[in-house]
C-alpha atoms as a PDB file:
ATOM      1  CA  MET A   1      37.221  21.260  19.663  1.00  0.00           C
ATOM      2  CA  LYS A   2      38.744  22.126  16.407  1.00  0.00           C
ATOM      3  CA  GLY A   3      37.189  25.473  14.995  1.00  0.00           C
ATOM      4  CA  LYS A   4      33.457  26.172  15.904  1.00  0.00           C
ATOM      5  CA  ILE A   5      30.204  24.252  15.508  1.00  0.00           C
ATOM      6  CA  ARG A   6      28.315  25.949  12.297  1.00  0.00           C
ATOM      7  CA  THR A   7      25.141  25.743  13.347  1.00  0.00           C
ATOM      8  CA  LEU A   8      21.861  26.228  11.562  1.00  0.00           C
ATOM      9  CA  LEU A   9      18.419  27.327  13.370  1.00  0.00           C
ATOM     10  CA  VAL A  10      14.625  26.016  12.494  1.00  0.00           C
ATOM     11  CA  ASP A  11      11.565  27.095  14.110  1.00  0.00           C
ATOM     12  CA  ASP A  12       8.711  29.063  12.818  1.00  0.00           C
ATOM     13  CA  HIS A  13       8.476  31.327  15.872  1.00  0.00           C
ATOM     14  CA  LYS A  14      11.360  34.198  15.639  1.00  0.00           C
ATOM     15  CA  ILE A  15      11.047  34.471  19.013  1.00  0.00           C
ATOM     16  CA  ILE A  16      11.554  31.587  19.861  1.00  0.00           C
ATOM     17  CA  ARG A  17      14.426  31.193  17.638  1.00  0.00           C
ATOM     18  CA  ASP A  18      15.917  34.160  19.502  1.00  0.00           C
ATOM     19  CA  GLY A  19      15.972  32.275  22.626  1.00  0.00           C
ATOM     20  CA  ILE A  20      18.017  29.313  20.957  1.00  0.00           C
ATOM     21  CA  ARG A  21      20.579  31.785  19.215  1.00  0.00           C
ATOM     22  CA  SER A  22      20.895  33.829  23.378  1.00  0.00           C
ATOM     23  CA  ILE A  23      21.912  30.118  24.850  1.00  0.00           C
ATOM     24  CA  LEU A  24      23.582  28.774  21.919  1.00  0.00           C
ATOM     25  CA  GLU A  25      26.080  31.965  21.874  1.00  0.00           C
ATOM     26  CA  MET A  26      26.618  31.945  25.522  1.00  0.00           C
ATOM     27  CA  ASP A  27      29.089  28.749  24.037  1.00  0.00           C
ATOM     28  CA  GLU A  28      32.852  30.054  22.147  1.00  0.00           C
ATOM     29  CA  ASN A  29      32.796  26.454  20.728  1.00  0.00           C
ATOM     30  CA  ILE A  30      28.870  27.419  18.543  1.00  0.00           C
ATOM     31  CA  ASN A  31      28.502  29.518  15.024  1.00  0.00           C
ATOM     32  CA  ILE A  32      24.963  30.164  14.001  1.00  0.00           C
ATOM     33  CA  VAL A  33      25.713  30.349  10.430  1.00  0.00           C
ATOM     34  CA  ASP A  34      21.603  31.233  10.166  1.00  0.00           C
ATOM     35  CA  GLU A  35      18.045  31.277  10.799  1.00  0.00           C
ATOM     36  CA  ALA A  36      15.621  29.689   8.917  1.00  0.00           C
ATOM     37  CA  LYS A  37      11.437  29.901   9.569  1.00  0.00           C
ATOM     38  CA  ASP A  38      10.791  26.798   8.235  1.00  0.00           C
ATOM     39  CA  GLY A  39      12.170  23.668   6.322  1.00  0.00           C
ATOM     40  CA  THR A  40      12.022  24.669   2.774  1.00  0.00           C
ATOM     41  CA  GLU A  41      13.644  27.528   3.748  1.00  0.00           C
ATOM     42  CA  ALA A  42      16.382  25.727   6.297  1.00  0.00           C
ATOM     43  CA  LEU A  43      17.102  23.796   2.612  1.00  0.00           C
ATOM     44  CA  ASN A  44      18.484  26.621   0.480  1.00  0.00           C
ATOM     45  CA  ILE A  45      19.741  27.869   2.991  1.00  0.00           C
ATOM     46  CA  ILE A  46      22.387  24.791   3.709  1.00  0.00           C
ATOM     47  CA  ALA A  47      22.304  24.555  -0.415  1.00  0.00           C
ATOM     48  CA  ARG A  48      23.300  28.356  -0.299  1.00  0.00           C
ATOM     49  CA  HIS A  49      26.534  27.087   2.091  1.00  0.00           C
ATOM     50  CA  ASN A  50      26.821  24.104  -0.375  1.00  0.00           C
ATOM     51  CA  GLY A  51      25.936  21.632   2.398  1.00  0.00           C
ATOM     52  CA  LYS A  52      29.030  23.016   5.537  1.00  0.00           C
ATOM     53  CA  ILE A  53      26.757  23.444   7.751  1.00  0.00           C
ATOM     54  CA  ASP A  54      27.957  20.962  11.286  1.00  0.00           C
ATOM     55  CA  VAL A  55      24.082  20.746  13.122  1.00  0.00           C
ATOM     56  CA  VAL A  56      20.854  21.792  12.165  1.00  0.00           C
ATOM     57  CA  VAL A  57      18.558  22.161  15.133  1.00  0.00           C
ATOM     58  CA  LEU A  58      14.951  22.676  14.586  1.00  0.00           C
ATOM     59  CA  ASP A  59      11.484  21.774  15.411  1.00  0.00           C
ATOM     60  CA  ILE A  60       8.746  19.607  14.352  1.00  0.00           C
ATOM     61  CA  ASN A  61       5.686  21.448  13.814  1.00  0.00           C
ATOM     62  CA  MET A  62       6.560  23.728  10.922  1.00  0.00           C
ATOM     63  CA  PRO A  63       4.371  25.096   8.039  1.00  0.00           C
ATOM     64  CA  GLY A  64       4.815  22.989   4.742  1.00  0.00           C
ATOM     65  CA  LEU A  65       7.671  21.430   5.539  1.00  0.00           C
ATOM     66  CA  SER A  66       7.510  19.219   8.751  1.00  0.00           C
ATOM     67  CA  GLY A  67      10.676  19.031  10.833  1.00  0.00           C
ATOM     68  CA  ILE A  68      10.584  15.555  10.314  1.00  0.00           C
ATOM     69  CA  ASP A  69      10.302  15.595   6.524  1.00  0.00           C
ATOM     70  CA  THR A  70      13.525  18.026   6.433  1.00  0.00           C
ATOM     71  CA  THR A  71      15.264  15.914   8.511  1.00  0.00           C
ATOM     72  CA  GLU A  72      14.463  12.879   6.546  1.00  0.00           C
ATOM     73  CA  ILE A  73      16.040  14.888   3.465  1.00  0.00           C
ATOM     74  CA  ILE A  74      18.786  16.473   5.241  1.00  0.00           C
ATOM     75  CA  SER A  75      20.307  12.812   6.624  1.00  0.00           C
ATOM     76  CA  LYS A  76      19.662  11.866   2.587  1.00  0.00           C
ATOM     77  CA  LEU A  77      21.262  14.925   0.612  1.00  0.00           C
ATOM     78  CA  TYR A  78      23.794  15.616   3.279  1.00  0.00           C
ATOM     79  CA  PRO A  79      24.514  12.511   5.653  1.00  0.00           C
ATOM     80  CA  LYS A  80      27.671  14.664   7.669  1.00  0.00           C
ATOM     81  CA  ILE A  81      25.146  17.070   8.941  1.00  0.00           C
ATOM     82  CA  LYS A  82      23.723  16.612  12.348  1.00  0.00           C
ATOM     83  CA  VAL A  83      19.899  16.793  13.109  1.00  0.00           C
ATOM     84  CA  LEU A  84      19.322  17.946  16.806  1.00  0.00           C
ATOM     85  CA  GLY A  85      15.119  18.010  17.243  1.00  0.00           C
ATOM     86  CA  LEU A  86      14.225  20.299  19.746  1.00  0.00           C
ATOM     87  CA  THR A  87       9.933  20.646  20.441  1.00  0.00           C
ATOM     88  CA  MET A  88       7.548  20.420  22.829  1.00  0.00           C
ATOM     89  CA  HIS A  89       6.446  16.983  21.833  1.00  0.00           C
ATOM     90  CA  LYS A  90       7.116  14.247  24.169  1.00  0.00           C
ATOM     91  CA  GLN A  91       4.921  11.540  22.866  1.00  0.00           C
ATOM     92  CA  HIS A  92       6.659   8.098  22.197  1.00  0.00           C
ATOM     93  CA  ALA A  93       5.136   9.309  17.942  1.00  0.00           C
ATOM     94  CA  TYR A  94       7.472  12.333  17.422  1.00  0.00           C
ATOM     95  CA  ILE A  95      10.254  10.890  19.022  1.00  0.00           C
ATOM     96  CA  VAL A  96      10.050   7.494  17.051  1.00  0.00           C
ATOM     97  CA  LYS A  97       9.910   9.427  14.066  1.00  0.00           C
ATOM     98  CA  MET A  98      12.223  11.660  14.097  1.00  0.00           C
ATOM     99  CA  MET A  99      14.878   8.977  15.004  1.00  0.00           C
ATOM    100  CA  GLU A 100      13.796   7.745  11.814  1.00  0.00           C
ATOM    101  CA  ALA A 101      14.033  10.329   9.315  1.00  0.00           C
ATOM    102  CA  GLY A 102      17.680  11.169  11.076  1.00  0.00           C
ATOM    103  CA  ALA A 103      17.725  13.372  13.838  1.00  0.00           C
ATOM    104  CA  LEU A 104      20.821  11.962  16.548  1.00  0.00           C
ATOM    105  CA  GLY A 105      18.901  13.915  19.020  1.00  0.00           C
ATOM    106  CA  TYR A 106      15.924  15.024  20.642  1.00  0.00           C
ATOM    107  CA  VAL A 107      15.419  17.706  23.566  1.00  0.00           C
ATOM    108  CA  LEU A 108      12.559  19.385  24.400  1.00  0.00           C
ATOM    109  CA  LYS A 109      12.124  23.131  24.589  1.00  0.00           C
ATOM    110  CA  ASP A 110      10.866  22.982  28.781  1.00  0.00           C
ATOM    111  CA  GLY A 111      14.459  21.658  29.451  1.00  0.00           C
ATOM    112  CA  GLY A 112      17.024  24.076  30.050  1.00  0.00           C
ATOM    113  CA  GLY A 113      19.880  25.507  28.243  1.00  0.00           C
ATOM    114  CA  ASP A 114      22.944  23.794  29.394  1.00  0.00           C
ATOM    115  CA  GLN A 115      20.472  20.524  27.551  1.00  0.00           C
ATOM    116  CA  LEU A 116      20.698  22.068  24.947  1.00  0.00           C
ATOM    117  CA  ILE A 117      23.980  23.150  24.332  1.00  0.00           C
ATOM    118  CA  GLU A 118      25.015  19.188  25.590  1.00  0.00           C
ATOM    119  CA  GLY A 119      22.880  18.236  23.264  1.00  0.00           C
ATOM    120  CA  LEU A 120      24.198  20.275  20.005  1.00  0.00           C
ATOM    121  CA  LYS A 121      27.496  19.374  21.032  1.00  0.00           C
ATOM    122  CA  THR A 122      27.023  14.941  21.407  1.00  0.00           C
ATOM    123  CA  VAL A 123      25.313  15.065  17.906  1.00  0.00           C
ATOM    124  CA  PHE A 124      27.962  17.512  17.110  1.00  0.00           C
ATOM    125  CA  GLN A 125      30.567  14.183  17.690  1.00  0.00           C
ATOM    126  CA  GLY A 126      27.564  11.627  16.044  1.00  0.00           C
ATOM    127  CA  LYS A 127      26.631  10.319  19.444  1.00  0.00           C
ATOM    128  CA  ASN A 128      22.909  10.332  20.279  1.00  0.00           C
ATOM    129  CA  TYR A 129      21.508  12.629  22.763  1.00  0.00           C
ATOM    130  CA  TYR A 130      18.086  11.962  24.028  1.00  0.00           C
ATOM    131  CA  SER A 131      17.312  14.793  27.136  1.00  0.00           C
ATOM    132  CA  THR A 132      16.266  12.307  30.141  1.00  0.00           C
ATOM    133  CA  GLU A 133      12.655  13.157  29.801  1.00  0.00           C
ATOM    134  CA  VAL A 134      12.215  11.867  26.296  1.00  0.00           C
ATOM    135  CA  THR A 135      14.870   8.721  27.274  1.00  0.00           C
ATOM    136  CA  ASN A 136      12.180   7.800  30.206  1.00  0.00           C
ATOM    137  CA  THR A 137       9.572   8.363  27.323  1.00  0.00           C
ATOM    138  CA  LEU A 138      11.422   5.584  24.816  1.00  0.00           C
ATOM    139  CA  VAL A 139      12.059   3.498  27.329  1.00  0.00           C
ATOM    140  CA  ASN A 140       8.155   3.377  28.826  1.00  0.00           C
ATOM    141  CA  GLY A 141       7.067   2.716  24.860  1.00  0.00           C
ATOM    142  CA  PHE A 142       9.571   0.313  24.685  1.00  0.00           C
ATOM    143  CA  VAL A 143       8.661  -1.291  27.485  1.00  0.00           C
ATOM    144  CA  LYS A 144       4.512  -1.278  26.487  1.00  0.00           C
ATOM    145  CA  LYS A 145       4.459  -2.200  23.180  1.00  0.00           C
ATOM    146  CA  GLN A 146       6.937  -5.527  24.457  1.00  0.00           C
ATOM    147  CA  GLN A 147       3.639  -6.204  26.953  1.00  0.00           C
ATOM    148  CA  SER A 148       1.248  -5.690  24.698  1.00  0.00           C
ATOM    149  CA  LYS A 149       2.262  -8.161  21.904  1.00  0.00           C
ATOM    150  CA  ASN A 150       2.600 -10.854  24.359  1.00  0.00           C
ATOM    151  CA  GLU A 151      -0.649  -9.785  25.419  1.00  0.00           C
ATOM    152  CA  ASP A 152      -2.368 -10.625  21.991  1.00  0.00           C
ATOM    153  CA  PHE A 153      -1.748 -14.575  23.220  1.00  0.00           C
ATOM    154  CA  GLY A 154      -2.605 -14.354  26.931  1.00  0.00           C
ATOM    155  CA  LEU A 155       0.938 -17.094  27.109  1.00  0.00           C
ATOM    156  CA  THR A 156       1.975 -17.574  30.341  1.00  0.00           C
ATOM    157  CA  LYS A 157       5.823 -17.293  31.758  1.00  0.00           C
ATOM    158  CA  ARG A 158       5.954 -21.282  30.975  1.00  0.00           C
ATOM    159  CA  GLU A 159       3.955 -20.905  27.223  1.00  0.00           C
ATOM    160  CA  VAL A 160       6.620 -18.223  26.540  1.00  0.00           C
ATOM    161  CA  GLU A 161       9.578 -20.672  27.735  1.00  0.00           C
ATOM    162  CA  ILE A 162       8.381 -23.750  25.726  1.00  0.00           C
ATOM    163  CA  VAL A 163       8.070 -21.938  22.783  1.00  0.00           C
ATOM    164  CA  LYS A 164      11.474 -20.639  23.684  1.00  0.00           C
ATOM    165  CA  TYR A 165      12.431 -23.739  23.761  1.00  0.00           C
ATOM    166  CA  VAL A 166      10.283 -25.294  20.462  1.00  0.00           C
ATOM    167  CA  SER A 167      12.086 -22.752  18.238  1.00  0.00           C
ATOM    168  CA  GLU A 168      15.724 -23.896  19.336  1.00  0.00           C
ATOM    169  CA  GLY A 169      14.725 -27.221  18.456  1.00  0.00           C
ATOM    170  CA  LEU A 170      14.121 -29.454  21.664  1.00  0.00           C
ATOM    171  CA  SER A 171      11.698 -32.027  21.457  1.00  0.00           C
ATOM    172  CA  ASN A 172       9.014 -32.958  24.798  1.00  0.00           C
ATOM    173  CA  GLU A 173      11.545 -35.044  26.351  1.00  0.00           C
ATOM    174  CA  GLU A 174      13.973 -32.391  26.069  1.00  0.00           C
ATOM    175  CA  ILE A 175      12.424 -29.453  27.140  1.00  0.00           C
ATOM    176  CA  SER A 176      10.955 -31.616  29.996  1.00  0.00           C
ATOM    177  CA  LYS A 177      13.903 -32.727  31.250  1.00  0.00           C
ATOM    178  CA  LYS A 178      14.824 -28.753  31.266  1.00  0.00           C
ATOM    179  CA  ILE A 179      11.592 -27.808  32.647  1.00  0.00           C
ATOM    180  CA  GLU A 180      11.329 -30.552  35.176  1.00  0.00           C
ATOM    181  CA  LEU A 181       7.372 -30.969  33.680  1.00  0.00           C
ATOM    182  CA  SER A 182       6.405 -34.663  32.300  1.00  0.00           C
ATOM    183  CA  SER A 183       7.081 -34.770  28.501  1.00  0.00           C
ATOM    184  CA  ARG A 184       3.016 -35.001  28.259  1.00  0.00           C
ATOM    185  CA  THR A 185       2.456 -32.307  30.035  1.00  0.00           C
ATOM    186  CA  VAL A 186       4.810 -30.176  27.882  1.00  0.00           C
ATOM    187  CA  GLU A 187       3.200 -31.732  25.114  1.00  0.00           C
ATOM    188  CA  THR A 188      -0.433 -30.597  26.848  1.00  0.00           C
ATOM    189  CA  HIS A 189       1.539 -27.011  27.252  1.00  0.00           C
ATOM    190  CA  ARG A 190       2.643 -26.713  22.873  1.00  0.00           C
ATOM    191  CA  ARG A 191      -1.259 -28.109  22.444  1.00  0.00           C
ATOM    192  CA  ASN A 192      -2.243 -24.451  24.445  1.00  0.00           C
ATOM    193  CA  ILE A 193      -0.233 -22.680  23.124  1.00  0.00           C
ATOM    194  CA  ILE A 194      -1.147 -23.786  19.324  1.00  0.00           C
ATOM    195  CA  LYS A 195      -4.709 -23.543  20.589  1.00  0.00           C
ATOM    196  CA  LYS A 196      -3.555 -19.226  21.837  1.00  0.00           C
ATOM    197  CA  MET A 197      -2.416 -18.323  19.211  1.00  0.00           C
ATOM    198  CA  GLY A 198      -4.499 -19.359  16.163  1.00  0.00           C
ATOM    199  CA  VAL A 199      -2.155 -21.447  14.461  1.00  0.00           C
ATOM    200  CA  LYS A 200      -1.865 -25.158  13.108  1.00  0.00           C
ATOM    201  CA  ASN A 201       1.134 -26.164  14.201  1.00  0.00           C
ATOM    202  CA  THR A 202       4.735 -25.677  15.433  1.00  0.00           C
ATOM    203  CA  ALA A 203       6.233 -24.320  12.305  1.00  0.00           C
ATOM    204  CA  GLN A 204       3.745 -21.522  12.727  1.00  0.00           C
ATOM    205  CA  MET A 205       3.638 -21.163  16.176  1.00  0.00           C
ATOM    206  CA  VAL A 206       7.645 -20.295  15.741  1.00  0.00           C
ATOM    207  CA  ALA A 207       6.889 -18.151  13.045  1.00  0.00           C
ATOM    208  CA  ARG A 208       3.863 -15.933  15.197  1.00  0.00           C
ATOM    209  CA  ALA A 209       5.879 -16.344  18.308  1.00  0.00           C
ATOM    210  CA  ILE A 210       8.911 -14.320  16.136  1.00  0.00           C
ATOM    211  CA  LYS A 211       7.047 -11.967  14.511  1.00  0.00           C
ATOM    212  CA  LYS A 212       4.956 -10.985  17.442  1.00  0.00           C
ATOM    213  CA  GLY A 213       8.064  -9.855  19.893  1.00  0.00           C
ATOM    214  CA  VAL A 214       7.141 -13.148  22.080  1.00  0.00           C
ATOM    215  CA  LEU A 215      10.799 -14.275  21.657  1.00  0.00           C
ATOM    216  CA  LYS A 216      13.558 -11.766  21.644  1.00  0.00           C
END
């Protein structure tokens, strides 16, 4: 690694900043250039350093400018700076908002120091890093979201399969050959699908299926 990773710590609790500093300074490749107690102070520090900060490690909940808002501003004004979220919040919504704001990594405060150092080094390289618990939260949230989308219409596995073939432009006869059902049965399934989805025709059925995530 060429040079040290210039790092800015942002947290509204000094005792937390002291703890983070003590952990990160154990690694000879990390240099803590400054600390900030909130998002506004962090942006001022970055400006004073002419944007020459490699990684910003910041909390989400802070007085004034939140960590999410701060991350979004940093991503827009200083696209080369990498952001690593370090927080107690493990809820899916917080994680997703930080990702959307531009954070490359997300680590929980109750994780170990090794995770923090690994996360910092990973985002410094321009890669995403999420601790195991965060990854599990994201996966579970995605699965629940997809399940709720499909269950909105109460479609069976067979009906979803038929919607897929319809979206590909297959006729009832062609679909019947693929799923080994009579074309009349396929037509009955199509009518039931249209009724369940609350649409008027096949075109609307396909459009809504795509919008709702039935077709992936």
